[in-house]
Amino acid sequence: YSDFDYSYSRSGGFAPIYENLLIKGNNVHYSFEGQNKKFEKDFEISNDELQKIEAVLTQHNFRSIQEDYKKIYDHVSTAIAVKNGANSGRKSDAAFIMKKDKKRWEEVTNVFKQIISANMATADFK
């Protein structure tokens, strides 16, 4: 999955976690490590789900979301990368998101969280 269309990742914190959702076409690789849990799962998502991701990115003008530049340490940060199409770009809240763009950022991150929760509801963590 080094070549992906979309990626959603969360990492860091006092007790570090590492969470990755990598999407290539309809194929998805999800991994989570932290809080004494470790899990990986490969699954597929529908064309409708892919279209929903693109619609949310477009609706909330992903490329124009502005990152803050203050250094923040010891918090879990989220990064989203889009490699194809009109919404191509990478954004991260490692230094937070500017206040005026925070709601749009939350809407974009929510579309990825929904995919994770829909497909991990019955996950068996190791």
C-alpha atoms as a PDB file:
ATOM      1  CA  TYR A   1       0.000   0.000   0.000  1.00  0.00           C
ATOM      2  CA  SER A   2       2.846   2.397  -0.623  1.00  0.00           C
ATOM      3  CA  ASP A   3       0.814   3.682  -3.568  1.00  0.00           C
ATOM      4  CA  PHE A   4      -2.588   4.693  -2.216  1.00  0.00           C
ATOM      5  CA  ASP A   5      -5.399   7.015  -3.273  1.00  0.00           C
ATOM      6  CA  TYR A   6      -6.364   8.145   0.239  1.00  0.00           C
ATOM      7  CA  SER A   7      -4.734   7.774   3.604  1.00  0.00           C
ATOM      8  CA  TYR A   8      -5.940   8.659   7.079  1.00  0.00           C
ATOM      9  CA  SER A   9      -3.509   8.278   9.931  1.00  0.00           C
ATOM     10  CA  ARG A  10      -3.392   9.134  13.599  1.00  0.00           C
ATOM     11  CA  SER A  11      -0.280   8.900  15.715  1.00  0.00           C
ATOM     12  CA  GLY A  12       1.411  10.207  18.818  1.00  0.00           C
ATOM     13  CA  GLY A  13       0.315  11.053  22.325  1.00  0.00           C
ATOM     14  CA  PHE A  14       1.693  10.381  25.804  1.00  0.00           C
ATOM     15  CA  ALA A  15       0.897   6.682  25.368  1.00  0.00           C
ATOM     16  CA  PRO A  16       1.500   6.591  21.617  1.00  0.00           C
ATOM     17  CA  ILE A  17      -0.988   5.129  19.184  1.00  0.00           C
ATOM     18  CA  TYR A  18      -0.501   4.405  15.503  1.00  0.00           C
ATOM     19  CA  GLU A  19      -3.607   4.109  13.346  1.00  0.00           C
ATOM     20  CA  ASN A  20      -3.611   3.923   9.547  1.00  0.00           C
ATOM     21  CA  LEU A  21      -6.343   3.614   6.943  1.00  0.00           C
ATOM     22  CA  LEU A  22      -4.952   3.253   3.420  1.00  0.00           C
ATOM     23  CA  ILE A  23      -7.288   3.117   0.425  1.00  0.00           C
ATOM     24  CA  LYS A  24      -6.308   2.057  -3.098  1.00  0.00           C
ATOM     25  CA  GLY A  25      -9.268   1.687  -5.429  1.00  0.00           C
ATOM     26  CA  ASN A  26     -11.836  -0.313  -3.465  1.00  0.00           C
ATOM     27  CA  ASN A  27      -9.174  -2.067  -1.367  1.00  0.00           C
ATOM     28  CA  VAL A  28      -8.529  -0.888   2.173  1.00  0.00           C
ATOM     29  CA  HIS A  29      -5.806  -1.737   4.659  1.00  0.00           C
ATOM     30  CA  TYR A  30      -6.425  -0.746   8.284  1.00  0.00           C
ATOM     31  CA  SER A  31      -3.986  -1.077  11.161  1.00  0.00           C
ATOM     32  CA  PHE A  32      -4.021   0.022  14.778  1.00  0.00           C
ATOM     33  CA  GLU A  33      -1.351  -0.295  17.434  1.00  0.00           C
ATOM     34  CA  GLY A  34      -1.449   1.158  20.933  1.00  0.00           C
ATOM     35  CA  GLN A  35      -3.263   0.948  24.269  1.00  0.00           C
ATOM     36  CA  ASN A  36      -1.975  -2.644  24.531  1.00  0.00           C
ATOM     37  CA  LYS A  37      -3.851  -3.548  21.320  1.00  0.00           C
ATOM     38  CA  LYS A  38      -2.638  -4.458  17.881  1.00  0.00           C
ATOM     39  CA  PHE A  39      -4.834  -5.080  14.876  1.00  0.00           C
ATOM     40  CA  GLU A  40      -4.706  -5.252  11.080  1.00  0.00           C
ATOM     41  CA  LYS A  41      -7.502  -5.857   8.612  1.00  0.00           C
ATOM     42  CA  ASP A  42      -7.908  -5.746   4.842  1.00  0.00           C
ATOM     43  CA  PHE A  43     -11.368  -5.141   3.417  1.00  0.00           C
ATOM     44  CA  GLU A  44     -13.182  -3.572   0.491  1.00  0.00           C
ATOM     45  CA  ILE A  45     -15.361  -0.494   0.315  1.00  0.00           C
ATOM     46  CA  SER A  46     -18.048   0.251  -2.232  1.00  0.00           C
ATOM     47  CA  ASN A  47     -17.955   2.773  -5.058  1.00  0.00           C
ATOM     48  CA  ASP A  48     -20.616   4.701  -3.114  1.00  0.00           C
ATOM     49  CA  GLU A  49     -18.248   4.998  -0.145  1.00  0.00           C
ATOM     50  CA  LEU A  50     -15.462   6.208  -2.428  1.00  0.00           C
ATOM     51  CA  GLN A  51     -17.810   8.767  -3.962  1.00  0.00           C
ATOM     52  CA  LYS A  52     -18.813   9.902  -0.472  1.00  0.00           C
ATOM     53  CA  ILE A  53     -15.150  10.517   0.428  1.00  0.00           C
ATOM     54  CA  GLU A  54     -14.646  12.576  -2.718  1.00  0.00           C
ATOM     55  CA  ALA A  55     -17.906  14.484  -2.152  1.00  0.00           C
ATOM     56  CA  VAL A  56     -16.929  15.398   1.433  1.00  0.00           C
ATOM     57  CA  LEU A  57     -13.439  16.474   0.330  1.00  0.00           C
ATOM     58  CA  THR A  58     -14.950  18.669  -2.393  1.00  0.00           C
ATOM     59  CA  GLN A  59     -17.808  20.046  -0.286  1.00  0.00           C
ATOM     60  CA  HIS A  60     -15.430  21.109   2.482  1.00  0.00           C
ATOM     61  CA  ASN A  61     -12.738  22.341   0.082  1.00  0.00           C
ATOM     62  CA  PHE A  62     -10.041  20.067   1.511  1.00  0.00           C
ATOM     63  CA  ARG A  63      -7.165  21.740  -0.322  1.00  0.00           C
ATOM     64  CA  SER A  64      -7.928  25.140   1.206  1.00  0.00           C
ATOM     65  CA  ILE A  65      -7.993  23.974   4.832  1.00  0.00           C
ATOM     66  CA  GLN A  66      -5.201  25.883   6.522  1.00  0.00           C
ATOM     67  CA  GLU A  67      -2.860  24.319   9.037  1.00  0.00           C
ATOM     68  CA  ASP A  68      -1.592  26.320  11.992  1.00  0.00           C
ATOM     69  CA  TYR A  69       2.178  26.565  12.359  1.00  0.00           C
ATOM     70  CA  LYS A  70       2.558  26.412  16.145  1.00  0.00           C
ATOM     71  CA  LYS A  71       4.478  23.415  17.442  1.00  0.00           C
ATOM     72  CA  ILE A  72       2.394  21.017  19.533  1.00  0.00           C
ATOM     73  CA  TYR A  73       3.912  18.069  21.355  1.00  0.00           C
ATOM     74  CA  ASP A  74       2.528  14.930  22.981  1.00  0.00           C
ATOM     75  CA  HIS A  75      -0.889  14.890  21.385  1.00  0.00           C
ATOM     76  CA  VAL A  76      -2.440  12.493  18.910  1.00  0.00           C
ATOM     77  CA  SER A  77      -2.302  14.133  15.505  1.00  0.00           C
ATOM     78  CA  THR A  78      -4.269  13.251  12.387  1.00  0.00           C
ATOM     79  CA  ALA A  79      -2.966  13.436   8.829  1.00  0.00           C
ATOM     80  CA  ILE A  80      -4.912  12.957   5.613  1.00  0.00           C
ATOM     81  CA  ALA A  81      -3.297  12.521   2.212  1.00  0.00           C
ATOM     82  CA  VAL A  82      -5.131  12.468  -1.112  1.00  0.00           C
ATOM     83  CA  LYS A  83      -3.016  11.412  -4.081  1.00  0.00           C
ATOM     84  CA  ASN A  84      -5.431  11.677  -7.013  1.00  0.00           C
ATOM     85  CA  GLY A  85      -7.955  14.076  -8.453  1.00  0.00           C
ATOM     86  CA  ALA A  86      -8.961  17.663  -7.793  1.00  0.00           C
ATOM     87  CA  ASN A  87      -8.584  17.238  -4.018  1.00  0.00           C
ATOM     88  CA  SER A  88      -4.962  16.050  -4.109  1.00  0.00           C
ATOM     89  CA  GLY A  89      -3.010  17.267  -1.135  1.00  0.00           C
ATOM     90  CA  ARG A  90      -1.902  16.528   2.402  1.00  0.00           C
ATOM     91  CA  LYS A  91      -3.151  18.115   5.597  1.00  0.00           C
ATOM     92  CA  SER A  92      -2.293  17.470   9.225  1.00  0.00           C
ATOM     93  CA  ASP A  93      -3.439  18.814  12.566  1.00  0.00           C
ATOM     94  CA  ALA A  94      -0.023  18.108  14.130  1.00  0.00           C
ATOM     95  CA  ALA A  95       0.165  21.855  14.757  1.00  0.00           C
ATOM     96  CA  PHE A  96      -3.639  22.194  14.833  1.00  0.00           C
ATOM     97  CA  ILE A  97      -5.917  23.540  12.128  1.00  0.00           C
ATOM     98  CA  MET A  98      -6.720  27.242  11.892  1.00  0.00           C
ATOM     99  CA  LYS A  99      -9.877  28.030  13.845  1.00  0.00           C
ATOM    100  CA  LYS A 100     -11.801  29.203  10.764  1.00  0.00           C
ATOM    101  CA  ASP A 101     -11.235  25.786   9.115  1.00  0.00           C
ATOM    102  CA  LYS A 102     -11.723  23.533  12.154  1.00  0.00           C
ATOM    103  CA  LYS A 103     -15.343  22.548  11.346  1.00  0.00           C
ATOM    104  CA  ARG A 104     -14.448  21.642   7.751  1.00  0.00           C
ATOM    105  CA  TRP A 105     -11.471  19.578   8.989  1.00  0.00           C
ATOM    106  CA  GLU A 106     -13.743  17.695  11.398  1.00  0.00           C
ATOM    107  CA  GLU A 107     -16.189  16.894   8.581  1.00  0.00           C
ATOM    108  CA  VAL A 108     -13.359  15.516   6.434  1.00  0.00           C
ATOM    109  CA  THR A 109     -11.905  13.400   9.256  1.00  0.00           C
ATOM    110  CA  ASN A 110     -15.387  12.107  10.122  1.00  0.00           C
ATOM    111  CA  VAL A 111     -15.838  10.464   6.706  1.00  0.00           C
ATOM    112  CA  PHE A 112     -12.744   8.327   7.366  1.00  0.00           C
ATOM    113  CA  LYS A 113     -13.752   7.601  10.979  1.00  0.00           C
ATOM    114  CA  GLN A 114     -17.130   6.354   9.700  1.00  0.00           C
ATOM    115  CA  ILE A 115     -15.415   3.870   7.367  1.00  0.00           C
ATOM    116  CA  ILE A 116     -13.272   2.624  10.250  1.00  0.00           C
ATOM    117  CA  SER A 117     -16.165   2.251  12.683  1.00  0.00           C
ATOM    118  CA  ALA A 118     -18.402   0.548  10.089  1.00  0.00           C
ATOM    119  CA  ASN A 119     -15.741  -2.035   9.294  1.00  0.00           C
ATOM    120  CA  MET A 120     -14.179  -2.491  12.729  1.00  0.00           C
ATOM    121  CA  ALA A 121     -17.358  -2.937  14.771  1.00  0.00           C
ATOM    122  CA  THR A 122     -16.714  -6.670  15.103  1.00  0.00           C
ATOM    123  CA  ALA A 123     -12.915  -6.530  15.073  1.00  0.00           C
ATOM    124  CA  ASP A 124     -10.945  -8.818  17.347  1.00  0.00           C
ATOM    125  CA  PHE A 125      -7.986  -6.892  18.680  1.00  0.00           C
ATOM    126  CA  LYS A 126      -4.875  -8.853  19.614  1.00  0.00           C
END
